[in-house]
């Protein structure tokens, strides 16, 4: 049975017990995937903050705070309407994110936009073209995305960045939100969040063979947690239908 709640209490042990509710079990397993997706990289002052569009406006808010705190000279927001925002928002994700940043105090002349990308690979490749067009140095890049997209964003950048990968320093970061605090009315409840986690992990495993990402080692306990979630009905369908 799939749960459709906004949050959960987390059990400490991955092993099933007679006292663990289904909700606790789902959260314990999903947090295994969540923790694996987070890279935990330390911020370094960089040339540009590259923000990949999505349906979570907390990403835009976090990116704006990074600029306001002086981590880079400019911000580039990338993204058209993706599957999560098409039919929900009436303007490209990049424009929505830009407006949030400006309202938070980021000067409009420190912001660049890329409004054509509809998936992670296009975010990377088309953003590079914008930086080249405006002659913005990008020897160091801070990538900003949702927490459960950190690892996949990094793997995609390293594979698909058109520039000099060997001499480009890249880190990935995301809003500091704990797993149990992530579900919301805007991004969906626990069911949606867990399905998205399952879908992202499937792509981390399958996309390298398709040339979309570099390979990432998946620890055995993370894969076991993934398999149990799939057996419980969390097949990543939300993510498969809505993301590429």
Protein backbone atom coordinates (compact mmCIF):
# COMPACT_ATOMS: atom_id res chain seq x y z
CA UNK A 1 0.00 0.00 0.00
CA UNK A 2 1.35 3.43 -0.96
CA UNK A 3 1.28 6.12 1.68
CA UNK A 4 0.17 9.65 0.88
CA UNK A 5 1.22 11.70 3.90
CA UNK A 6 3.28 14.84 4.22
CA UNK A 7 5.94 13.57 6.61
CA UNK A 8 7.02 10.68 8.77
CA UNK A 9 8.85 9.50 11.82
CA UNK A 10 12.08 7.70 10.98
CA UNK A 11 13.21 4.39 12.44
CA UNK A 12 16.89 4.03 13.20
CA UNK A 13 17.29 0.45 11.97
CA UNK A 14 16.97 -0.66 8.36
CA UNK A 15 15.94 -4.18 9.46
CA UNK A 16 12.17 -4.82 9.65
CA UNK A 17 10.77 -5.31 13.15
CA UNK A 18 7.42 -6.31 14.47
CA UNK A 19 7.02 -2.85 15.96
CA UNK A 20 7.77 -0.82 12.83
CA UNK A 21 4.76 0.67 11.08
CA UNK A 22 4.56 0.65 7.29
CA UNK A 23 5.03 4.41 7.29
CA UNK A 24 8.17 4.11 9.41
CA UNK A 25 9.47 1.35 7.16
CA UNK A 26 8.95 3.38 4.00
CA UNK A 27 10.69 6.37 5.57
CA UNK A 28 13.63 4.28 6.79
CA UNK A 29 14.15 2.81 3.32
CA UNK A 30 13.62 6.11 1.50
CA UNK A 31 16.07 7.91 3.77
CA UNK A 32 18.73 5.39 2.70
CA UNK A 33 18.23 6.58 -0.88
CA UNK A 34 18.02 10.22 0.19
CA UNK A 35 21.31 10.09 2.09
CA UNK A 36 23.02 8.43 -0.88
CA UNK A 37 21.86 11.22 -3.21
CA UNK A 38 23.48 13.90 -1.03
CA UNK A 39 27.14 14.52 -1.84
CA UNK A 40 27.94 16.74 1.13
CA UNK A 41 30.42 18.87 -0.81
CA UNK A 42 31.76 22.02 0.84
CA UNK A 43 31.07 25.34 -0.84
CA UNK A 44 33.95 27.11 -2.55
CA UNK A 45 33.79 30.64 -3.95
CA UNK A 46 33.24 30.16 -7.69
CA UNK A 47 32.77 32.00 -10.96
CA UNK A 48 29.10 31.20 -11.40
CA UNK A 49 26.14 29.66 -9.63
CA UNK A 50 24.26 27.46 -12.12
CA UNK A 51 20.74 26.71 -10.94
CA UNK A 52 18.86 23.88 -12.61
CA UNK A 53 15.15 24.58 -12.86
CA UNK A 54 12.62 22.35 -11.16
CA UNK A 55 9.24 22.53 -9.41
CA UNK A 56 10.75 23.33 -5.99
CA UNK A 57 11.07 27.09 -5.49
CA UNK A 58 13.17 26.50 -2.37
CA UNK A 59 15.99 25.82 -4.83
CA UNK A 60 15.72 29.38 -6.17
CA UNK A 61 15.62 30.81 -2.65
CA UNK A 62 18.72 28.87 -1.65
CA UNK A 63 20.59 29.92 -4.79
CA UNK A 64 19.72 33.56 -4.12
CA UNK A 65 21.10 33.26 -0.59
CA UNK A 66 24.31 31.80 -1.99
CA UNK A 67 24.77 34.85 -4.21
CA UNK A 68 23.89 37.24 -1.41
CA UNK A 69 26.49 35.51 0.77
CA UNK A 70 29.12 36.14 -1.90
CA UNK A 71 29.79 32.65 -3.25
CA UNK A 72 29.88 33.76 -6.92
CA UNK A 73 29.75 36.83 -9.13
CA UNK A 74 26.71 35.82 -11.15
CA UNK A 75 23.77 33.41 -11.18
CA UNK A 76 22.48 31.51 -14.19
CA UNK A 77 18.97 30.07 -13.94
CA UNK A 78 18.26 27.29 -16.45
CA UNK A 79 15.00 25.66 -17.42
CA UNK A 80 11.91 25.85 -19.58
CA UNK A 81 8.68 24.21 -18.45
CA UNK A 82 9.47 20.62 -17.48
CA UNK A 83 7.05 17.79 -16.91
CA UNK A 84 6.56 18.72 -13.27
CA UNK A 85 5.79 22.37 -14.10
CA UNK A 86 4.14 22.17 -17.52
CA UNK A 87 0.48 22.99 -17.13
CA UNK A 88 1.15 24.29 -13.61
CA UNK A 89 3.37 27.31 -14.28
CA UNK A 90 2.76 29.66 -17.19
CA UNK A 91 6.38 30.79 -17.65
CA UNK A 92 9.74 29.01 -17.84
CA UNK A 93 11.20 27.78 -14.58
CA UNK A 94 14.23 30.03 -15.12
CA UNK A 95 12.04 33.13 -15.20
CA UNK A 96 10.13 32.10 -12.07
CA UNK A 97 13.42 31.46 -10.27
CA UNK A 98 14.86 34.78 -11.50
CA UNK A 99 11.90 36.68 -10.06
CA UNK A 100 12.34 34.97 -6.70
CA UNK A 101 16.02 35.90 -6.64
CA UNK A 102 15.37 39.53 -7.59
CA UNK A 103 12.70 39.81 -4.88
CA UNK A 104 15.28 38.54 -2.40
CA UNK A 105 17.76 41.24 -3.41
CA UNK A 106 19.88 39.75 -6.20
CA UNK A 107 20.45 42.50 -8.80
CA UNK A 108 18.91 41.68 -12.17
CA UNK A 109 22.16 42.54 -13.92
CA UNK A 110 23.93 39.71 -12.06
CA UNK A 111 21.47 37.12 -13.42
CA UNK A 112 21.58 35.19 -16.70
CA UNK A 113 18.74 33.07 -18.07
CA UNK A 114 18.57 29.90 -20.13
CA UNK A 115 14.92 29.17 -20.94
CA UNK A 116 14.98 26.24 -23.37
CA UNK A 117 16.18 23.23 -21.34
CA UNK A 118 13.66 20.53 -20.44
CA UNK A 119 15.97 17.96 -18.82
CA UNK A 120 19.18 17.81 -16.83
CA UNK A 121 21.47 17.23 -19.81
CA UNK A 122 20.01 20.23 -21.63
CA UNK A 123 20.40 22.34 -18.48
CA UNK A 124 24.11 21.63 -18.58
CA UNK A 125 24.75 21.97 -22.31
CA UNK A 126 22.53 24.97 -23.00
CA UNK A 127 23.77 26.83 -19.94
CA UNK A 128 27.31 26.46 -21.22
CA UNK A 129 26.22 28.11 -24.47
CA UNK A 130 24.73 31.06 -22.55
CA UNK A 131 27.94 31.51 -20.56
CA UNK A 132 29.96 31.44 -23.78
CA UNK A 133 27.62 33.93 -25.45
CA UNK A 134 28.02 36.43 -22.61
CA UNK A 135 31.73 35.67 -22.20
CA UNK A 136 31.30 34.68 -18.57
CA UNK A 137 34.25 32.82 -17.09
CA UNK A 138 33.21 29.41 -15.77
CA UNK A 139 36.37 27.75 -14.50
CA UNK A 140 34.51 27.01 -11.28
CA UNK A 141 30.80 26.29 -11.02
CA UNK A 142 28.38 25.79 -8.14
CA UNK A 143 25.45 23.63 -9.30
CA UNK A 144 22.20 24.02 -7.36
CA UNK A 145 19.34 21.53 -7.50
CA UNK A 146 16.91 19.67 -5.25
CA UNK A 147 18.56 17.56 -2.51
CA UNK A 148 17.72 14.20 -4.06
CA UNK A 149 19.11 15.39 -7.41
CA UNK A 150 22.62 16.25 -6.19
CA UNK A 151 24.34 13.03 -7.26
CA UNK A 152 22.55 12.78 -10.59
CA UNK A 153 23.29 16.45 -11.36
CA UNK A 154 26.98 15.92 -10.70
CA UNK A 155 27.12 12.75 -12.81
CA UNK A 156 25.37 14.53 -15.68
CA UNK A 157 27.62 17.60 -15.52
CA UNK A 158 30.81 15.56 -15.61
CA UNK A 159 29.54 13.67 -18.65
CA UNK A 160 27.84 16.42 -20.63
CA UNK A 161 29.59 19.73 -19.85
CA UNK A 162 30.89 20.92 -23.23
CA UNK A 163 33.77 22.87 -21.72
CA UNK A 164 37.15 21.81 -20.40
CA UNK A 165 36.09 19.25 -17.80
CA UNK A 166 39.63 18.61 -16.59
CA UNK A 167 40.10 22.25 -15.62
CA UNK A 168 36.58 23.09 -14.43
CA UNK A 169 36.00 22.81 -10.69
CA UNK A 170 32.40 21.86 -9.93
CA UNK A 171 30.50 21.28 -6.73
CA UNK A 172 26.83 20.49 -6.21
CA UNK A 173 24.70 21.82 -3.40
CA UNK A 174 21.02 22.01 -2.49
CA UNK A 175 18.68 23.54 0.08
CA UNK A 176 19.47 22.28 3.56
CA UNK A 177 16.26 20.33 4.09
CA UNK A 178 16.03 17.06 6.02
CA UNK A 179 14.23 14.17 4.37
CA UNK A 180 11.30 14.21 6.81
CA UNK A 181 10.84 17.97 6.18
CA UNK A 182 11.00 17.78 2.39
CA UNK A 183 7.40 16.82 1.40
CA UNK A 184 5.12 19.83 1.05
CA UNK A 185 1.96 21.00 -0.66
CA UNK A 186 4.10 22.43 -3.48
CA UNK A 187 6.34 19.43 -4.25
CA UNK A 188 4.03 16.63 -3.14
CA UNK A 189 3.65 14.33 -0.17
CA UNK A 190 5.66 11.34 0.96
CA UNK A 191 4.38 9.06 -1.81
CA UNK A 192 5.55 11.47 -4.51
CA UNK A 193 8.90 12.09 -2.81
CA UNK A 194 9.62 8.36 -2.46
CA UNK A 195 8.60 7.65 -6.04
CA UNK A 196 10.94 10.43 -7.19
CA UNK A 197 13.79 8.95 -5.16
CA UNK A 198 13.20 5.56 -6.76
CA UNK A 199 13.08 7.13 -10.23
CA UNK A 200 16.31 9.07 -9.70
CA UNK A 201 18.16 5.99 -8.47
CA UNK A 202 16.97 4.04 -11.51
CA UNK A 203 18.51 6.72 -13.72
CA UNK A 204 21.75 6.75 -11.78
CA UNK A 205 22.01 3.03 -12.52
CA UNK A 206 20.79 2.99 -16.13
CA UNK A 207 21.84 6.31 -17.67
CA UNK A 208 25.61 5.71 -17.87
CA UNK A 209 25.05 2.95 -20.44
CA UNK A 210 23.04 5.42 -22.51
CA UNK A 211 25.79 8.02 -22.44
CA UNK A 212 23.88 10.49 -20.26
CA UNK A 213 25.93 10.33 -17.03
CA UNK A 214 29.16 9.00 -15.61
CA UNK A 215 28.80 5.77 -13.57
CA UNK A 216 28.18 6.08 -9.84
CA UNK A 217 28.75 3.22 -7.44
CA UNK A 218 25.56 2.22 -5.64
CA UNK A 219 26.19 0.65 -2.21
CA UNK A 220 24.56 -2.72 -1.62
CA UNK A 221 22.37 -1.50 1.25
CA UNK A 222 21.04 1.36 -0.88
CA UNK A 223 20.12 -1.04 -3.67
CA UNK A 224 18.44 -3.41 -1.20
CA UNK A 225 16.39 -0.47 0.12
CA UNK A 226 15.46 0.47 -3.44
CA UNK A 227 14.34 -3.09 -4.23
CA UNK A 228 12.18 -3.26 -1.12
CA UNK A 229 10.50 0.04 -1.98
CA UNK A 230 9.78 -1.23 -5.49
CA UNK A 231 8.29 -4.41 -3.98
CA UNK A 232 6.08 -2.21 -1.79
CA UNK A 233 4.71 -0.46 -4.89
CA UNK A 234 7.04 2.52 -5.16
CA UNK A 235 7.99 2.00 -8.78
CA UNK A 236 9.15 5.54 -9.59
CA UNK A 237 6.10 6.05 -11.78
CA UNK A 238 5.67 9.72 -10.88
CA UNK A 239 9.26 10.39 -11.91
CA UNK A 240 9.15 8.18 -15.00
CA UNK A 241 6.07 9.96 -16.29
CA UNK A 242 7.28 13.45 -15.50
CA UNK A 243 11.06 13.57 -15.78
CA UNK A 244 13.78 12.83 -18.32
